[in-house]
Amino acid sequence: MRCPRSLCYHFHYHCDITSKKKELDRARDKTRINIGAAFERWKALRDLKGFKIDAELATFLLDSSLFKCSLEACCL
């Protein structure tokens, strides 16, 4: 016995959405880092600086002179 056409459509539509979501999750996981207990401090600094997304704060910190100085001292 075949399933009604509408059931098949909804099943396949749901499967397509689920697989697309998994694909997006895998792509996002490739750029994710775990900062552990520092997460609360990270959020507070992000809010204090007025950044909307984490990537803005990360770029700001990487471009800061303090980071550049410590990186140069480390690599010399």
N, C-alpha and C. Protein backbone atom coordinates (compact mmCIF):
# COMPACT_ATOMS: atom_id res chain seq x y z
N MET A 1 0.85 -1.18 0.00
CA MET A 1 0.00 0.00 0.00
C MET A 1 0.89 1.24 0.00
N ARG A 2 0.62 2.16 -0.89
CA ARG A 2 1.41 3.39 -0.99
C ARG A 2 0.85 4.45 -0.05
N CYS A 3 1.74 5.27 0.44
CA CYS A 3 1.28 6.35 1.31
C CYS A 3 0.63 7.45 0.48
N PRO A 4 -0.26 8.21 1.09
CA PRO A 4 -0.88 9.32 0.36
C PRO A 4 0.20 10.32 -0.08
N ARG A 5 -0.02 10.90 -1.21
CA ARG A 5 0.97 11.82 -1.80
C ARG A 5 1.35 12.94 -0.83
N SER A 6 0.40 13.49 -0.11
CA SER A 6 0.70 14.59 0.81
C SER A 6 1.62 14.14 1.94
N LEU A 7 1.46 12.90 2.41
CA LEU A 7 2.34 12.39 3.46
C LEU A 7 3.77 12.26 2.95
N CYS A 8 3.92 11.76 1.75
CA CYS A 8 5.26 11.62 1.16
C CYS A 8 5.91 12.98 1.01
N TYR A 9 5.14 13.96 0.54
CA TYR A 9 5.70 15.30 0.37
C TYR A 9 6.19 15.85 1.70
N HIS A 10 5.37 15.75 2.74
CA HIS A 10 5.75 16.29 4.05
C HIS A 10 6.95 15.54 4.62
N PHE A 11 7.01 14.26 4.42
CA PHE A 11 8.14 13.46 4.91
C PHE A 11 9.43 13.90 4.22
N HIS A 12 9.40 14.00 2.91
CA HIS A 12 10.60 14.39 2.16
C HIS A 12 10.99 15.83 2.45
N TYR A 13 10.00 16.71 2.60
CA TYR A 13 10.27 18.11 2.94
C TYR A 13 10.97 18.18 4.29
N HIS A 14 10.47 17.44 5.26
CA HIS A 14 11.08 17.41 6.59
C HIS A 14 12.50 16.85 6.52
N CYS A 15 12.71 15.80 5.76
CA CYS A 15 14.04 15.21 5.62
C CYS A 15 15.01 16.18 4.97
N ASP A 16 14.54 16.93 3.96
CA ASP A 16 15.39 17.92 3.30
C ASP A 16 15.81 19.01 4.27
N ILE A 17 14.88 19.49 5.08
CA ILE A 17 15.19 20.53 6.06
C ILE A 17 16.17 19.99 7.10
N THR A 18 15.92 18.78 7.57
CA THR A 18 16.79 18.18 8.58
C THR A 18 18.21 17.99 8.05
N SER A 19 18.34 17.50 6.83
CA SER A 19 19.68 17.29 6.27
C SER A 19 20.38 18.62 6.01
N LYS A 20 19.64 19.63 5.57
CA LYS A 20 20.24 20.95 5.34
C LYS A 20 20.71 21.54 6.67
N LYS A 21 19.92 21.37 7.73
CA LYS A 21 20.30 21.88 9.05
C LYS A 21 21.56 21.19 9.54
N LYS A 22 21.64 19.89 9.36
CA LYS A 22 22.84 19.15 9.77
C LYS A 22 24.06 19.62 9.00
N GLU A 23 23.88 19.89 7.71
CA GLU A 23 24.98 20.37 6.88
C GLU A 23 25.47 21.74 7.37
N LEU A 24 24.53 22.62 7.69
CA LEU A 24 24.90 23.94 8.20
C LEU A 24 25.57 23.83 9.57
N ASP A 25 25.08 22.92 10.42
CA ASP A 25 25.69 22.71 11.74
C ASP A 25 27.13 22.23 11.60
N ARG A 26 27.38 21.31 10.66
CA ARG A 26 28.75 20.82 10.45
C ARG A 26 29.67 21.94 9.97
N ALA A 27 29.17 22.78 9.10
CA ALA A 27 29.98 23.90 8.60
C ALA A 27 30.29 24.88 9.73
N ARG A 28 29.31 25.16 10.58
CA ARG A 28 29.51 26.08 11.70
C ARG A 28 30.46 25.47 12.73
N ASP A 29 30.39 24.18 12.93
CA ASP A 29 31.26 23.51 13.91
C ASP A 29 32.74 23.62 13.54
N LYS A 30 33.04 23.80 12.26
CA LYS A 30 34.43 23.91 11.82
C LYS A 30 35.07 25.20 12.30
N THR A 31 34.27 26.22 12.62
CA THR A 31 34.82 27.50 13.07
C THR A 31 34.58 27.75 14.55
N ARG A 32 34.03 26.79 15.24
CA ARG A 32 33.67 26.95 16.64
C ARG A 32 34.88 26.65 17.53
N ILE A 33 35.06 27.47 18.58
CA ILE A 33 36.09 27.20 19.57
C ILE A 33 35.45 27.18 20.95
N ASN A 34 36.07 26.49 21.88
CA ASN A 34 35.56 26.41 23.24
C ASN A 34 36.48 27.23 24.14
N ILE A 35 35.94 28.28 24.74
CA ILE A 35 36.75 29.12 25.61
C ILE A 35 36.43 28.87 27.09
N GLY A 36 35.65 27.84 27.33
CA GLY A 36 35.39 27.36 28.69
C GLY A 36 34.88 28.42 29.64
N ALA A 37 35.56 28.54 30.79
CA ALA A 37 35.13 29.45 31.85
C ALA A 37 35.23 30.92 31.44
N ALA A 38 35.98 31.23 30.40
CA ALA A 38 36.13 32.61 29.95
C ALA A 38 34.92 33.10 29.15
N PHE A 39 33.96 32.23 28.92
CA PHE A 39 32.82 32.60 28.09
C PHE A 39 32.05 33.79 28.65
N GLU A 40 31.82 33.84 29.95
CA GLU A 40 31.08 34.95 30.56
C GLU A 40 31.85 36.25 30.39
N ARG A 41 33.17 36.21 30.55
CA ARG A 41 34.00 37.40 30.35
C ARG A 41 33.95 37.85 28.89
N TRP A 42 33.96 36.88 27.98
CA TRP A 42 33.89 37.17 26.55
C TRP A 42 32.60 37.91 26.23
N LYS A 43 31.47 37.39 26.73
CA LYS A 43 30.18 38.03 26.47
C LYS A 43 30.15 39.44 27.04
N ALA A 44 30.69 39.61 28.26
CA ALA A 44 30.70 40.92 28.90
C ALA A 44 31.54 41.92 28.09
N LEU A 45 32.72 41.49 27.62
CA LEU A 45 33.57 42.37 26.83
C LEU A 45 32.92 42.71 25.49
N ARG A 46 32.29 41.71 24.87
CA ARG A 46 31.60 41.95 23.60
C ARG A 46 30.51 43.00 23.78
N ASP A 47 29.73 42.90 24.87
CA ASP A 47 28.68 43.87 25.13
C ASP A 47 29.26 45.25 25.45
N LEU A 48 30.33 45.27 26.25
CA LEU A 48 30.98 46.52 26.64
C LEU A 48 31.50 47.27 25.42
N LYS A 49 32.07 46.56 24.48
CA LYS A 49 32.62 47.17 23.26
C LYS A 49 31.53 47.45 22.22
N GLY A 50 30.34 46.92 22.42
CA GLY A 50 29.22 47.18 21.52
C GLY A 50 29.22 46.33 20.25
N PHE A 51 29.92 45.20 20.28
CA PHE A 51 29.93 44.32 19.12
C PHE A 51 28.69 43.45 19.14
N LYS A 52 28.16 43.19 17.96
CA LYS A 52 26.95 42.36 17.84
C LYS A 52 27.29 40.87 17.73
N ILE A 53 28.40 40.57 17.06
CA ILE A 53 28.75 39.16 16.85
C ILE A 53 30.16 38.88 17.36
N ASP A 54 30.40 37.63 17.68
CA ASP A 54 31.68 37.21 18.24
C ASP A 54 32.85 37.48 17.30
N ALA A 55 32.62 37.35 15.99
CA ALA A 55 33.71 37.56 15.03
C ALA A 55 34.22 38.99 15.08
N GLU A 56 33.35 39.95 15.38
CA GLU A 56 33.79 41.35 15.50
C GLU A 56 34.75 41.52 16.68
N LEU A 57 34.40 40.92 17.80
CA LEU A 57 35.27 41.01 18.98
C LEU A 57 36.58 40.28 18.72
N ALA A 58 36.52 39.13 18.11
CA ALA A 58 37.74 38.37 17.83
C ALA A 58 38.68 39.18 16.93
N THR A 59 38.14 39.81 15.90
CA THR A 59 38.95 40.63 15.00
C THR A 59 39.54 41.82 15.74
N PHE A 60 38.73 42.46 16.56
CA PHE A 60 39.20 43.59 17.36
C PHE A 60 40.38 43.17 18.24
N LEU A 61 40.24 42.06 18.94
CA LEU A 61 41.30 41.60 19.83
C LEU A 61 42.56 41.20 19.06
N LEU A 62 42.39 40.53 17.93
CA LEU A 62 43.55 40.13 17.13
C LEU A 62 44.28 41.34 16.54
N ASP A 63 43.53 42.39 16.24
CA ASP A 63 44.13 43.59 15.66
C ASP A 63 44.67 44.56 16.72
N SER A 64 44.37 44.28 17.98
CA SER A 64 44.80 45.21 19.03
C SER A 64 46.32 45.21 19.16
N SER A 65 46.86 46.35 19.57
CA SER A 65 48.32 46.47 19.69
C SER A 65 48.86 45.56 20.79
N LEU A 66 48.09 45.34 21.84
CA LEU A 66 48.54 44.47 22.93
C LEU A 66 48.79 43.06 22.40
N PHE A 67 47.88 42.55 21.59
CA PHE A 67 48.05 41.21 21.04
C PHE A 67 49.25 41.16 20.10
N LYS A 68 49.38 42.19 19.25
CA LYS A 68 50.50 42.22 18.31
C LYS A 68 51.84 42.23 19.05
N CYS A 69 51.92 43.01 20.14
CA CYS A 69 53.17 43.07 20.90
C CYS A 69 53.49 41.72 21.52
N SER A 70 52.51 41.07 22.11
CA SER A 70 52.78 39.77 22.74
C SER A 70 53.10 38.71 21.69
N LEU A 71 52.51 38.82 20.51
CA LEU A 71 52.79 37.87 19.43
C LEU A 71 54.22 38.07 18.93
N GLU A 72 54.65 39.32 18.77
CA GLU A 72 56.01 39.60 18.33
C GLU A 72 57.02 39.12 19.37
N ALA A 73 56.75 39.33 20.64
CA ALA A 73 57.67 38.88 21.69
C ALA A 73 57.76 37.37 21.72
N CYS A 74 56.67 36.72 21.46
CA CYS A 74 56.61 35.26 21.46
C CYS A 74 57.41 34.68 20.30
N CYS A 75 57.33 35.34 19.17
CA CYS A 75 57.92 34.79 17.95
C CYS A 75 59.35 35.25 17.69
N LEU A 76 59.89 36.11 18.52
CA LEU A 76 61.27 36.59 18.29
C LEU A 76 62.29 35.62 18.81
